[in-house]
Amino acid sequence: MSPTFINNTITPKGAGLFGTLPETKDMIEGVSKGVQVAMRIADVSVSAERQGSLRMEKAVRFTLNGKPVTLTVDGDRALLWVLRTNLGLTGPKYGCGTGICGACTVLVNDKAVRSCALPVTQVHGKKVTTIEGLAKNGKLHPLQKAFMENDGLQCGYCTPGMILTAYSLLRENPRPSYSDIVKGMEHNLCRCGAHKRIIEAIQAAAKEMAGGA
């Protein structure tokens, strides 16, 4: 049998990339059996994981937007999903799921954190604030008002995270320079490109919060 070239290798004529037809059939059958075994193992693993998650449920207590909250959940569940699914607060958004984009930002003890990457057990006994809890007695926070007045948003998806990150920034630095704001907000992504207006909104809020000085 004369050889033929396939992918720069020499194989007997009549053979394919995976060998002769009988060999190919045997290989396919072997792979199929392997897949079936892997699926059975996966089913067992998923079942064990579900049972394990039930055993891992814990009672978590924290203050949410000024009110005490107690719930029993999987201790590894991300705070973001507890807030959105268990507690019905949709201000924190899911963006990247890895703590990079900032859409899920909330305040924990007045410090901005990424709720998508934070297990809910880590807020036990702490104070959590979402965008829904920033206004007081029906009055918008200066940051919320400034974002509206300066059009510091477009689609609005990133806005809750932007405002809460700015809140944390202004608590640490009440009179930030332009570069301070840029540095403090650089890890919050705005796909609409409203960065200039966001910075102007934070500057306006900082001025109001400082008494107009």
N, C-alpha and C. Protein backbone atom coordinates (compact mmCIF):
# COMPACT_ATOMS: atom_id res chain seq x y z
N MET A 1 0.85 -1.18 0.00
CA MET A 1 0.00 0.00 0.00
C MET A 1 0.89 1.24 0.00
N SER A 2 0.71 2.14 -1.02
CA SER A 2 1.55 3.32 -1.09
C SER A 2 1.11 4.35 -0.07
N PRO A 3 2.06 5.11 0.51
CA PRO A 3 1.71 6.07 1.55
C PRO A 3 1.08 7.33 0.98
N THR A 4 0.36 8.04 1.78
CA THR A 4 -0.20 9.35 1.42
C THR A 4 0.06 10.31 2.56
N PHE A 5 0.15 11.61 2.26
CA PHE A 5 0.45 12.62 3.27
C PHE A 5 -0.83 13.23 3.84
N ILE A 6 -0.97 13.24 5.17
CA ILE A 6 -2.08 13.89 5.86
C ILE A 6 -1.50 14.67 7.02
N ASN A 7 -1.71 15.99 6.98
CA ASN A 7 -1.18 16.85 8.04
C ASN A 7 0.32 16.65 8.25
N ASN A 8 1.06 16.54 7.11
CA ASN A 8 2.51 16.42 7.14
C ASN A 8 3.01 15.12 7.77
N THR A 9 2.14 14.12 7.90
CA THR A 9 2.58 12.82 8.41
C THR A 9 2.23 11.77 7.37
N ILE A 10 2.99 10.68 7.32
CA ILE A 10 2.76 9.63 6.33
C ILE A 10 1.88 8.55 6.94
N THR A 11 0.77 8.23 6.25
CA THR A 11 -0.11 7.16 6.71
C THR A 11 -0.38 6.24 5.54
N PRO A 12 -0.70 5.00 5.79
CA PRO A 12 -1.01 4.08 4.69
C PRO A 12 -2.18 4.59 3.89
N LYS A 13 -2.16 4.36 2.58
CA LYS A 13 -3.25 4.79 1.73
C LYS A 13 -4.54 4.09 2.14
N GLY A 14 -5.62 4.83 2.22
CA GLY A 14 -6.89 4.27 2.66
C GLY A 14 -7.16 4.54 4.12
N ALA A 15 -6.10 4.99 4.85
CA ALA A 15 -6.30 5.33 6.25
C ALA A 15 -6.63 6.80 6.36
N GLY A 16 -7.33 7.18 7.40
CA GLY A 16 -7.68 8.57 7.63
C GLY A 16 -6.89 9.13 8.78
N LEU A 17 -7.29 10.32 9.22
CA LEU A 17 -6.61 10.96 10.34
C LEU A 17 -6.70 10.12 11.60
N PHE A 18 -7.76 9.32 11.73
CA PHE A 18 -7.96 8.53 12.94
C PHE A 18 -7.72 7.05 12.69
N GLY A 19 -7.01 6.71 11.62
CA GLY A 19 -6.71 5.31 11.36
C GLY A 19 -7.71 4.67 10.41
N THR A 20 -7.72 3.34 10.37
CA THR A 20 -8.62 2.62 9.48
C THR A 20 -10.04 2.66 10.03
N LEU A 21 -11.02 2.28 9.21
CA LEU A 21 -12.42 2.32 9.64
C LEU A 21 -12.68 1.47 10.89
N PRO A 22 -12.17 0.20 10.95
CA PRO A 22 -12.40 -0.58 12.18
C PRO A 22 -11.81 0.10 13.40
N GLU A 23 -10.59 0.68 13.23
CA GLU A 23 -9.95 1.36 14.35
C GLU A 23 -10.77 2.57 14.78
N THR A 24 -11.28 3.30 13.79
CA THR A 24 -12.10 4.48 14.08
C THR A 24 -13.36 4.10 14.83
N LYS A 25 -14.00 3.01 14.41
CA LYS A 25 -15.21 2.55 15.07
C LYS A 25 -14.93 2.19 16.53
N ASP A 26 -13.82 1.46 16.74
CA ASP A 26 -13.45 1.09 18.11
C ASP A 26 -13.20 2.32 18.96
N MET A 27 -12.52 3.32 18.35
CA MET A 27 -12.21 4.53 19.08
C MET A 27 -13.47 5.28 19.47
N ILE A 28 -14.43 5.39 18.53
CA ILE A 28 -15.68 6.09 18.79
C ILE A 28 -16.47 5.40 19.89
N GLU A 29 -16.51 4.06 19.82
CA GLU A 29 -17.23 3.32 20.85
C GLU A 29 -16.58 3.52 22.22
N GLY A 30 -15.23 3.53 22.22
CA GLY A 30 -14.52 3.75 23.48
C GLY A 30 -14.78 5.13 24.06
N VAL A 31 -14.77 6.14 23.17
CA VAL A 31 -15.06 7.50 23.62
C VAL A 31 -16.47 7.60 24.16
N SER A 32 -17.42 6.95 23.46
CA SER A 32 -18.82 7.00 23.89
C SER A 32 -18.97 6.40 25.28
N LYS A 33 -18.32 5.24 25.51
CA LYS A 33 -18.40 4.63 26.83
C LYS A 33 -17.77 5.52 27.89
N GLY A 34 -16.64 6.15 27.50
CA GLY A 34 -15.97 7.06 28.43
C GLY A 34 -16.84 8.24 28.81
N VAL A 35 -17.55 8.78 27.82
CA VAL A 35 -18.45 9.91 28.07
C VAL A 35 -19.57 9.50 29.00
N GLN A 36 -20.13 8.29 28.77
CA GLN A 36 -21.22 7.82 29.63
C GLN A 36 -20.76 7.68 31.08
N VAL A 37 -19.55 7.13 31.26
CA VAL A 37 -19.00 6.99 32.62
C VAL A 37 -18.79 8.36 33.25
N ALA A 38 -18.25 9.30 32.44
CA ALA A 38 -17.99 10.65 32.96
C ALA A 38 -19.29 11.33 33.36
N MET A 39 -20.35 11.11 32.58
CA MET A 39 -21.64 11.72 32.91
C MET A 39 -22.21 11.16 34.21
N ARG A 40 -22.03 9.82 34.40
CA ARG A 40 -22.51 9.23 35.65
C ARG A 40 -21.74 9.78 36.84
N ILE A 41 -20.42 9.94 36.66
CA ILE A 41 -19.59 10.51 37.73
C ILE A 41 -20.02 11.95 38.01
N ALA A 42 -20.31 12.70 36.93
CA ALA A 42 -20.73 14.10 37.10
C ALA A 42 -22.05 14.18 37.85
N ASP A 43 -22.98 13.26 37.51
CA ASP A 43 -24.28 13.24 38.20
C ASP A 43 -24.09 13.00 39.69
N VAL A 44 -23.21 12.06 40.02
CA VAL A 44 -22.93 11.77 41.43
C VAL A 44 -22.30 12.99 42.10
N SER A 45 -21.37 13.66 41.39
CA SER A 45 -20.70 14.84 41.95
C SER A 45 -21.68 15.97 42.21
N VAL A 46 -22.59 16.21 41.23
CA VAL A 46 -23.58 17.27 41.38
C VAL A 46 -24.50 16.97 42.55
N SER A 47 -24.92 15.69 42.65
CA SER A 47 -25.78 15.31 43.76
C SER A 47 -25.09 15.53 45.09
N ALA A 48 -23.81 15.13 45.16
CA ALA A 48 -23.05 15.32 46.41
C ALA A 48 -22.88 16.79 46.72
N GLU A 49 -22.66 17.59 45.64
CA GLU A 49 -22.48 19.02 45.85
C GLU A 49 -23.76 19.66 46.39
N ARG A 50 -24.91 19.23 45.84
CA ARG A 50 -26.19 19.77 46.32
C ARG A 50 -26.42 19.41 47.78
N GLN A 51 -26.11 18.14 48.11
CA GLN A 51 -26.28 17.73 49.49
C GLN A 51 -25.33 18.48 50.40
N GLY A 52 -24.09 18.70 49.88
CA GLY A 52 -23.11 19.43 50.68
C GLY A 52 -23.53 20.86 50.90
N SER A 53 -24.14 21.49 49.85
CA SER A 53 -24.55 22.88 50.00
C SER A 53 -25.65 23.02 51.03
N LEU A 54 -26.51 21.99 51.11
CA LEU A 54 -27.56 22.03 52.11
C LEU A 54 -26.97 21.96 53.51
N ARG A 55 -25.93 21.15 53.64
CA ARG A 55 -25.29 21.02 54.95
C ARG A 55 -24.53 22.29 55.32
N MET A 56 -24.16 23.11 54.30
CA MET A 56 -23.36 24.30 54.55
C MET A 56 -24.21 25.53 54.84
N GLU A 57 -25.52 25.41 54.85
CA GLU A 57 -26.36 26.56 55.12
C GLU A 57 -26.10 27.10 56.52
N LYS A 58 -26.03 28.42 56.61
CA LYS A 58 -25.73 29.07 57.88
C LYS A 58 -26.68 30.23 58.11
N ALA A 59 -26.88 30.56 59.35
CA ALA A 59 -27.66 31.74 59.70
C ALA A 59 -26.73 32.95 59.63
N VAL A 60 -27.14 33.95 58.88
CA VAL A 60 -26.34 35.16 58.72
C VAL A 60 -27.17 36.35 59.16
N ARG A 61 -26.58 37.19 59.98
CA ARG A 61 -27.27 38.39 60.48
C ARG A 61 -26.44 39.62 60.13
N PHE A 62 -27.10 40.61 59.58
CA PHE A 62 -26.43 41.88 59.30
C PHE A 62 -27.48 42.97 59.19
N THR A 63 -27.00 44.21 59.16
CA THR A 63 -27.91 45.34 59.00
C THR A 63 -27.91 45.74 57.53
N LEU A 64 -29.09 45.78 56.94
CA LEU A 64 -29.22 46.12 55.52
C LEU A 64 -30.04 47.38 55.37
N ASN A 65 -29.40 48.42 54.87
CA ASN A 65 -30.08 49.71 54.68
C ASN A 65 -30.80 50.17 55.94
N GLY A 66 -30.12 49.97 57.07
CA GLY A 66 -30.63 50.45 58.35
C GLY A 66 -31.56 49.50 59.08
N LYS A 67 -31.85 48.33 58.49
CA LYS A 67 -32.76 47.39 59.12
C LYS A 67 -32.06 46.04 59.35
N PRO A 68 -32.33 45.40 60.49
CA PRO A 68 -31.70 44.10 60.76
C PRO A 68 -32.25 43.01 59.85
N VAL A 69 -31.37 42.15 59.39
CA VAL A 69 -31.74 41.05 58.51
C VAL A 69 -31.15 39.76 59.06
N THR A 70 -31.96 38.72 59.08
CA THR A 70 -31.48 37.39 59.45
C THR A 70 -32.00 36.40 58.42
N LEU A 71 -31.12 35.60 57.85
CA LEU A 71 -31.55 34.60 56.89
C LEU A 71 -30.61 33.41 56.92
N THR A 72 -31.11 32.29 56.50
CA THR A 72 -30.33 31.07 56.46
C THR A 72 -30.04 30.73 55.00
N VAL A 73 -28.77 30.75 54.64
CA VAL A 73 -28.38 30.54 53.25
C VAL A 73 -27.08 29.75 53.20
N ASP A 74 -26.75 29.29 52.00
CA ASP A 74 -25.45 28.66 51.77
C ASP A 74 -24.37 29.69 52.10
N GLY A 75 -23.48 29.33 52.98
CA GLY A 75 -22.46 30.28 53.43
C GLY A 75 -21.54 30.77 52.34
N ASP A 76 -21.42 30.01 51.24
CA ASP A 76 -20.55 30.41 50.14
C ASP A 76 -21.28 31.24 49.09
N ARG A 77 -22.57 31.44 49.26
CA ARG A 77 -23.35 32.20 48.28
C ARG A 77 -22.89 33.65 48.25
N ALA A 78 -22.71 34.18 47.06
CA ALA A 78 -22.24 35.55 46.92
C ALA A 78 -23.27 36.54 47.46
N LEU A 79 -22.79 37.57 48.12
CA LEU A 79 -23.69 38.59 48.65
C LEU A 79 -24.60 39.16 47.58
N LEU A 80 -24.07 39.33 46.37
CA LEU A 80 -24.87 39.88 45.27
C LEU A 80 -26.17 39.10 45.08
N TRP A 81 -26.08 37.77 45.06
CA TRP A 81 -27.27 36.96 44.78
C TRP A 81 -28.19 36.89 45.99
N VAL A 82 -27.63 37.01 47.17
CA VAL A 82 -28.49 37.08 48.36
C VAL A 82 -29.31 38.37 48.31
N LEU A 83 -28.65 39.47 47.95
CA LEU A 83 -29.34 40.76 47.88
C LEU A 83 -30.40 40.76 46.79
N ARG A 84 -30.05 40.26 45.61
CA ARG A 84 -30.97 40.33 44.48
C ARG A 84 -32.07 39.27 44.56
N THR A 85 -31.69 38.04 44.87
CA THR A 85 -32.65 36.93 44.81
C THR A 85 -33.38 36.72 46.12
N ASN A 86 -32.65 36.67 47.21
CA ASN A 86 -33.28 36.40 48.50
C ASN A 86 -34.00 37.62 49.06
N LEU A 87 -33.42 38.81 48.83
CA LEU A 87 -33.94 40.01 49.47
C LEU A 87 -34.59 40.99 48.49
N GLY A 88 -34.56 40.70 47.21
CA GLY A 88 -35.29 41.49 46.22
C GLY A 88 -34.75 42.88 45.95
N LEU A 89 -33.47 43.12 46.23
CA LEU A 89 -32.86 44.42 45.96
C LEU A 89 -32.08 44.33 44.65
N THR A 90 -32.57 45.02 43.63
CA THR A 90 -31.97 44.89 42.29
C THR A 90 -31.03 46.03 41.94
N GLY A 91 -30.73 46.92 42.91
CA GLY A 91 -29.76 47.98 42.65
C GLY A 91 -28.39 47.44 42.30
N PRO A 92 -27.84 46.51 43.08
CA PRO A 92 -26.56 45.89 42.71
C PRO A 92 -26.74 45.05 41.45
N LYS A 93 -25.90 45.27 40.48
CA LYS A 93 -26.03 44.59 39.19
C LYS A 93 -24.96 43.52 39.00
N TYR A 94 -25.31 42.51 38.20
CA TYR A 94 -24.31 41.51 37.79
C TYR A 94 -23.65 42.00 36.51
N GLY A 95 -22.33 42.12 36.55
CA GLY A 95 -21.61 42.55 35.35
C GLY A 95 -20.64 41.49 34.88
N CYS A 96 -19.50 41.40 35.57
CA CYS A 96 -18.46 40.46 35.15
C CYS A 96 -18.44 39.18 35.97
N GLY A 97 -18.91 39.25 37.21
CA GLY A 97 -18.89 38.08 38.08
C GLY A 97 -17.54 37.79 38.69
N THR A 98 -16.56 38.67 38.45
CA THR A 98 -15.22 38.43 38.98
C THR A 98 -14.69 39.62 39.80
N GLY A 99 -15.56 40.57 40.12
CA GLY A 99 -15.14 41.70 40.94
C GLY A 99 -14.33 42.75 40.21
N ILE A 100 -14.43 42.80 38.89
CA ILE A 100 -13.61 43.73 38.11
C ILE A 100 -14.38 44.98 37.67
N CYS A 101 -15.63 44.82 37.21
CA CYS A 101 -16.31 45.94 36.55
C CYS A 101 -16.94 46.94 37.50
N GLY A 102 -17.31 46.52 38.72
CA GLY A 102 -17.88 47.44 39.70
C GLY A 102 -19.38 47.60 39.69
N ALA A 103 -20.07 46.91 38.77
CA ALA A 103 -21.53 47.06 38.69
C ALA A 103 -22.24 46.53 39.94
N CYS A 104 -21.60 45.61 40.65
CA CYS A 104 -22.21 44.97 41.81
C CYS A 104 -21.86 45.65 43.13
N THR A 105 -21.19 46.80 43.07
CA THR A 105 -20.66 47.44 44.27
C THR A 105 -21.75 47.80 45.29
N VAL A 106 -21.47 47.47 46.55
CA VAL A 106 -22.29 47.89 47.67
C VAL A 106 -21.35 48.42 48.75
N LEU A 107 -21.92 48.96 49.81
CA LEU A 107 -21.10 49.43 50.93
C LEU A 107 -21.18 48.42 52.07
N VAL A 108 -20.04 48.05 52.60
CA VAL A 108 -19.99 47.23 53.81
C VAL A 108 -19.22 48.05 54.84
N ASN A 109 -19.94 48.43 55.89
CA ASN A 109 -19.38 49.36 56.89
C ASN A 109 -18.85 50.63 56.20
N ASP A 110 -19.65 51.11 55.23
CA ASP A 110 -19.38 52.36 54.50
C ASP A 110 -18.17 52.29 53.57
N LYS A 111 -17.68 51.09 53.29
CA LYS A 111 -16.57 50.93 52.35
C LYS A 111 -17.06 50.15 51.14
N ALA A 112 -16.71 50.64 49.95
CA ALA A 112 -17.16 50.00 48.71
C ALA A 112 -16.52 48.63 48.55
N VAL A 113 -17.37 47.62 48.29
CA VAL A 113 -16.89 46.26 48.04
C VAL A 113 -17.65 45.67 46.86
N ARG A 114 -17.06 44.67 46.23
CA ARG A 114 -17.69 43.98 45.10
C ARG A 114 -18.52 42.82 45.63
N SER A 115 -19.81 42.94 45.57
CA SER A 115 -20.68 41.93 46.18
C SER A 115 -20.71 40.62 45.41
N CYS A 116 -20.30 40.63 44.14
CA CYS A 116 -20.32 39.38 43.36
C CYS A 116 -19.23 38.43 43.80
N ALA A 117 -18.19 38.96 44.45
CA ALA A 117 -17.05 38.14 44.86
C ALA A 117 -16.95 37.99 46.37
N LEU A 118 -17.99 38.39 47.08
CA LEU A 118 -17.95 38.38 48.54
C LEU A 118 -18.95 37.36 49.10
N PRO A 119 -18.49 36.30 49.76
CA PRO A 119 -19.43 35.35 50.38
C PRO A 119 -20.26 36.07 51.43
N VAL A 120 -21.53 35.74 51.50
CA VAL A 120 -22.44 36.45 52.38
C VAL A 120 -22.02 36.34 53.85
N THR A 121 -21.35 35.25 54.22
CA THR A 121 -20.94 35.09 55.61
C THR A 121 -19.96 36.18 56.05
N GLN A 122 -19.30 36.81 55.09
CA GLN A 122 -18.31 37.83 55.44
C GLN A 122 -18.95 39.16 55.84
N VAL A 123 -20.26 39.28 55.72
CA VAL A 123 -20.93 40.51 56.19
C VAL A 123 -21.69 40.26 57.49
N HIS A 124 -21.51 39.08 58.06
CA HIS A 124 -22.19 38.76 59.32
C HIS A 124 -21.81 39.79 60.38
N GLY A 125 -22.82 40.40 60.99
CA GLY A 125 -22.59 41.39 62.03
C GLY A 125 -22.18 42.76 61.53
N LYS A 126 -22.21 42.97 60.21
CA LYS A 126 -21.78 44.24 59.64
C LYS A 126 -22.95 45.04 59.07
N LYS A 127 -22.65 46.23 58.61
CA LYS A 127 -23.65 47.11 58.00
C LYS A 127 -23.49 47.11 56.49
N VAL A 128 -24.56 46.75 55.80
CA VAL A 128 -24.55 46.72 54.34
C VAL A 128 -25.50 47.79 53.80
N THR A 129 -25.03 48.56 52.85
CA THR A 129 -25.86 49.59 52.22
C THR A 129 -25.85 49.39 50.71
N THR A 130 -27.03 49.33 50.12
CA THR A 130 -27.15 49.31 48.67
C THR A 130 -27.65 50.67 48.21
N ILE A 131 -27.74 50.86 46.92
CA ILE A 131 -28.20 52.15 46.40
C ILE A 131 -29.60 52.47 46.90
N GLU A 132 -30.40 51.44 47.18
CA GLU A 132 -31.76 51.66 47.67
C GLU A 132 -31.78 52.31 49.05
N GLY A 133 -30.67 52.18 49.80
CA GLY A 133 -30.65 52.71 51.15
C GLY A 133 -29.87 54.01 51.31
N LEU A 134 -29.44 54.60 50.19
CA LEU A 134 -28.61 55.80 50.30
C LEU A 134 -29.43 57.05 50.60
N ALA A 135 -30.59 57.15 50.01
CA ALA A 135 -31.46 58.30 50.31
C ALA A 135 -32.01 58.17 51.72
N LYS A 136 -32.22 59.30 52.39
CA LYS A 136 -32.72 59.29 53.76
C LYS A 136 -34.00 60.13 53.85
N ASN A 137 -35.03 59.51 54.42
CA ASN A 137 -36.31 60.21 54.62
C ASN A 137 -36.85 60.82 53.32
N GLY A 138 -36.68 60.09 52.24
CA GLY A 138 -37.20 60.55 50.95
C GLY A 138 -36.34 61.60 50.27
N LYS A 139 -35.20 61.93 50.86
CA LYS A 139 -34.31 62.95 50.29
C LYS A 139 -33.09 62.28 49.68
N LEU A 140 -32.84 62.59 48.42
CA LEU A 140 -31.70 62.00 47.73
C LEU A 140 -30.39 62.41 48.37
N HIS A 141 -29.44 61.50 48.34
CA HIS A 141 -28.08 61.83 48.77
C HIS A 141 -27.48 62.80 47.75
N PRO A 142 -26.58 63.71 48.19
CA PRO A 142 -25.97 64.65 47.25
C PRO A 142 -25.35 63.98 46.02
N LEU A 143 -24.83 62.78 46.17
CA LEU A 143 -24.26 62.08 45.01
C LEU A 143 -25.36 61.68 44.02
N GLN A 144 -26.46 61.18 44.54
CA GLN A 144 -27.56 60.82 43.65
C GLN A 144 -28.09 62.04 42.92
N LYS A 145 -28.23 63.12 43.64
CA LYS A 145 -28.73 64.37 43.03
C LYS A 145 -27.75 64.89 41.99
N ALA A 146 -26.45 64.85 42.32
CA ALA A 146 -25.44 65.36 41.40
C ALA A 146 -25.36 64.52 40.12
N PHE A 147 -25.52 63.21 40.24
CA PHE A 147 -25.50 62.36 39.05
C PHE A 147 -26.67 62.70 38.13
N MET A 148 -27.82 63.04 38.72
CA MET A 148 -28.98 63.41 37.92
C MET A 148 -28.77 64.77 37.26
N GLU A 149 -28.30 65.73 38.04
CA GLU A 149 -28.16 67.09 37.53
C GLU A 149 -27.05 67.22 36.50
N ASN A 150 -26.02 66.37 36.59
CA ASN A 150 -24.89 66.44 35.66
C ASN A 150 -24.93 65.35 34.60
N ASP A 151 -26.07 64.67 34.50
CA ASP A 151 -26.21 63.58 33.52
C ASP A 151 -25.05 62.59 33.62
N GLY A 152 -24.72 62.21 34.87
CA GLY A 152 -23.60 61.30 35.07
C GLY A 152 -23.95 59.85 34.80
N LEU A 153 -24.75 59.62 33.78
CA LEU A 153 -25.17 58.26 33.42
C LEU A 153 -25.72 58.28 32.02
N GLN A 154 -25.85 57.10 31.46
CA GLN A 154 -26.52 56.99 30.18
C GLN A 154 -27.50 55.83 30.24
N CYS A 155 -27.02 54.59 30.12
CA CYS A 155 -27.97 53.48 30.26
C CYS A 155 -28.33 53.23 31.72
N GLY A 156 -27.45 53.63 32.64
CA GLY A 156 -27.73 53.53 34.07
C GLY A 156 -27.31 52.23 34.71
N TYR A 157 -26.82 51.26 33.94
CA TYR A 157 -26.48 49.96 34.51
C TYR A 157 -25.35 50.05 35.53
N CYS A 158 -24.37 50.87 35.25
CA CYS A 158 -23.22 50.99 36.15
C CYS A 158 -23.45 52.01 37.26
N THR A 159 -24.52 52.79 37.17
CA THR A 159 -24.70 53.95 38.05
C THR A 159 -24.74 53.62 39.54
N PRO A 160 -25.48 52.61 40.01
CA PRO A 160 -25.47 52.32 41.44
C PRO A 160 -24.05 52.05 41.97
N GLY A 161 -23.28 51.27 41.21
CA GLY A 161 -21.91 50.99 41.61
C GLY A 161 -21.04 52.21 41.58
N MET A 162 -21.25 53.07 40.59
CA MET A 162 -20.48 54.32 40.50
C MET A 162 -20.76 55.20 41.72
N ILE A 163 -22.02 55.37 42.05
CA ILE A 163 -22.40 56.25 43.15
C ILE A 163 -21.86 55.74 44.48
N LEU A 164 -21.96 54.43 44.71
CA LEU A 164 -21.50 53.89 45.99
C LEU A 164 -19.97 53.88 46.09
N THR A 165 -19.30 53.70 44.97
CA THR A 165 -17.84 53.81 44.98
C THR A 165 -17.43 55.25 45.27
N ALA A 166 -18.15 56.20 44.67
CA ALA A 166 -17.88 57.62 44.92
C ALA A 166 -18.16 57.97 46.37
N TYR A 167 -19.20 57.38 46.94
CA TYR A 167 -19.53 57.61 48.35
C TYR A 167 -18.36 57.19 49.23
N SER A 168 -17.84 56.01 48.98
CA SER A 168 -16.70 55.50 49.75
C SER A 168 -15.48 56.40 49.56
N LEU A 169 -15.27 56.85 48.33
CA LEU A 169 -14.15 57.74 48.03
C LEU A 169 -14.25 59.05 48.82
N LEU A 170 -15.43 59.65 48.83
CA LEU A 170 -15.60 60.95 49.49
C LEU A 170 -15.56 60.84 51.01
N ARG A 171 -15.86 59.68 51.55
CA ARG A 171 -15.71 59.48 52.99
C ARG A 171 -14.23 59.48 53.37
N GLU A 172 -13.41 58.91 52.51
CA GLU A 172 -11.98 58.85 52.78
C GLU A 172 -11.28 60.14 52.39
N ASN A 173 -11.80 60.80 51.36
CA ASN A 173 -11.17 62.02 50.86
C ASN A 173 -12.27 63.01 50.48
N PRO A 174 -12.74 63.83 51.44
CA PRO A 174 -13.88 64.73 51.19
C PRO A 174 -13.61 65.81 50.14
N ARG A 175 -12.37 66.14 49.92
CA ARG A 175 -12.02 67.19 48.94
C ARG A 175 -11.05 66.63 47.89
N PRO A 176 -11.49 65.71 47.09
CA PRO A 176 -10.58 65.08 46.12
C PRO A 176 -10.26 66.00 44.95
N SER A 177 -9.07 65.87 44.43
CA SER A 177 -8.70 66.57 43.20
C SER A 177 -9.26 65.78 42.01
N TYR A 178 -9.13 66.36 40.84
CA TYR A 178 -9.58 65.66 39.63
C TYR A 178 -8.87 64.31 39.52
N SER A 179 -7.56 64.30 39.72
CA SER A 179 -6.80 63.05 39.59
C SER A 179 -7.17 62.07 40.69
N ASP A 180 -7.53 62.56 41.87
CA ASP A 180 -7.97 61.67 42.96
C ASP A 180 -9.25 60.93 42.55
N ILE A 181 -10.16 61.67 41.92
CA ILE A 181 -11.42 61.06 41.49
C ILE A 181 -11.17 60.03 40.39
N VAL A 182 -10.33 60.39 39.43
CA VAL A 182 -10.01 59.46 38.34
C VAL A 182 -9.40 58.17 38.91
N LYS A 183 -8.47 58.32 39.81
CA LYS A 183 -7.81 57.15 40.41
C LYS A 183 -8.80 56.34 41.24
N GLY A 184 -9.65 57.01 42.00
CA GLY A 184 -10.60 56.31 42.85
C GLY A 184 -11.70 55.59 42.10
N MET A 185 -11.99 56.05 40.87
CA MET A 185 -13.09 55.47 40.10
C MET A 185 -12.62 54.61 38.93
N GLU A 186 -11.31 54.46 38.76
CA GLU A 186 -10.81 53.83 37.54
C GLU A 186 -11.19 52.36 37.40
N HIS A 187 -11.56 51.71 38.48
CA HIS A 187 -11.92 50.29 38.40
C HIS A 187 -13.43 50.08 38.26
N ASN A 188 -14.18 51.15 38.08
CA ASN A 188 -15.61 51.04 37.76
C ASN A 188 -15.78 51.33 36.28
N LEU A 189 -16.31 50.38 35.55
CA LEU A 189 -16.41 50.51 34.10
C LEU A 189 -17.75 51.10 33.67
N CYS A 190 -17.68 52.01 32.70
CA CYS A 190 -18.89 52.57 32.09
C CYS A 190 -18.79 52.32 30.59
N ARG A 191 -19.58 51.40 30.09
CA ARG A 191 -19.52 51.06 28.66
C ARG A 191 -20.07 52.18 27.78
N CYS A 192 -20.87 53.05 28.37
CA CYS A 192 -21.46 54.14 27.59
C CYS A 192 -20.49 55.31 27.41
N GLY A 193 -19.43 55.34 28.18
CA GLY A 193 -18.43 56.41 28.04
C GLY A 193 -18.83 57.72 28.69
N ALA A 194 -19.56 57.65 29.81
CA ALA A 194 -20.01 58.87 30.48
C ALA A 194 -19.01 59.36 31.53
N HIS A 195 -17.76 59.00 31.38
CA HIS A 195 -16.75 59.27 32.41
C HIS A 195 -16.61 60.75 32.77
N LYS A 196 -16.61 61.61 31.76
CA LYS A 196 -16.43 63.04 32.02
C LYS A 196 -17.57 63.57 32.90
N ARG A 197 -18.80 63.18 32.58
CA ARG A 197 -19.95 63.64 33.35
C ARG A 197 -19.99 63.00 34.75
N ILE A 198 -19.49 61.79 34.85
CA ILE A 198 -19.41 61.12 36.16
C ILE A 198 -18.46 61.88 37.07
N ILE A 199 -17.32 62.26 36.53
CA ILE A 199 -16.34 63.02 37.32
C ILE A 199 -16.93 64.36 37.74
N GLU A 200 -17.61 65.03 36.81
CA GLU A 200 -18.23 66.32 37.14
C GLU A 200 -19.30 66.17 38.23
N ALA A 201 -20.04 65.06 38.18
CA ALA A 201 -21.06 64.81 39.20
C ALA A 201 -20.42 64.61 40.57
N ILE A 202 -19.33 63.89 40.62
CA ILE A 202 -18.64 63.65 41.90
C ILE A 202 -18.05 64.95 42.42
N GLN A 203 -17.51 65.77 41.54
CA GLN A 203 -16.98 67.07 41.97
C GLN A 203 -18.09 67.94 42.56
N ALA A 204 -19.26 67.93 41.92
CA ALA A 204 -20.38 68.74 42.39
C ALA A 204 -20.87 68.23 43.75
N ALA A 205 -20.94 66.91 43.91
CA ALA A 205 -21.39 66.33 45.17
C ALA A 205 -20.40 66.63 46.28
N ALA A 206 -19.12 66.53 45.97
CA ALA A 206 -18.09 66.81 46.98
C ALA A 206 -18.20 68.25 47.46
N LYS A 207 -18.47 69.16 46.54
CA LYS A 207 -18.61 70.56 46.90
C LYS A 207 -19.81 70.78 47.81
N GLU A 208 -20.95 70.15 47.46
CA GLU A 208 -22.14 70.30 48.29
C GLU A 208 -21.94 69.68 49.68
N MET A 209 -21.33 68.51 49.70
CA MET A 209 -21.12 67.81 50.97
C MET A 209 -20.12 68.55 51.88
N ALA A 210 -19.27 69.37 51.26
CA ALA A 210 -18.30 70.15 52.03
C ALA A 210 -18.88 71.50 52.43
N GLY A 211 -20.17 71.71 52.15
CA GLY A 211 -20.81 72.96 52.54
C GLY A 211 -20.73 74.03 51.50
N GLY A 212 -20.48 73.63 50.25
CA GLY A 212 -20.44 74.61 49.16
C GLY A 212 -19.14 75.35 49.06
N ALA A 213 -18.14 74.94 49.84
CA ALA A 213 -16.85 75.68 49.81
C ALA A 213 -16.08 75.34 48.55
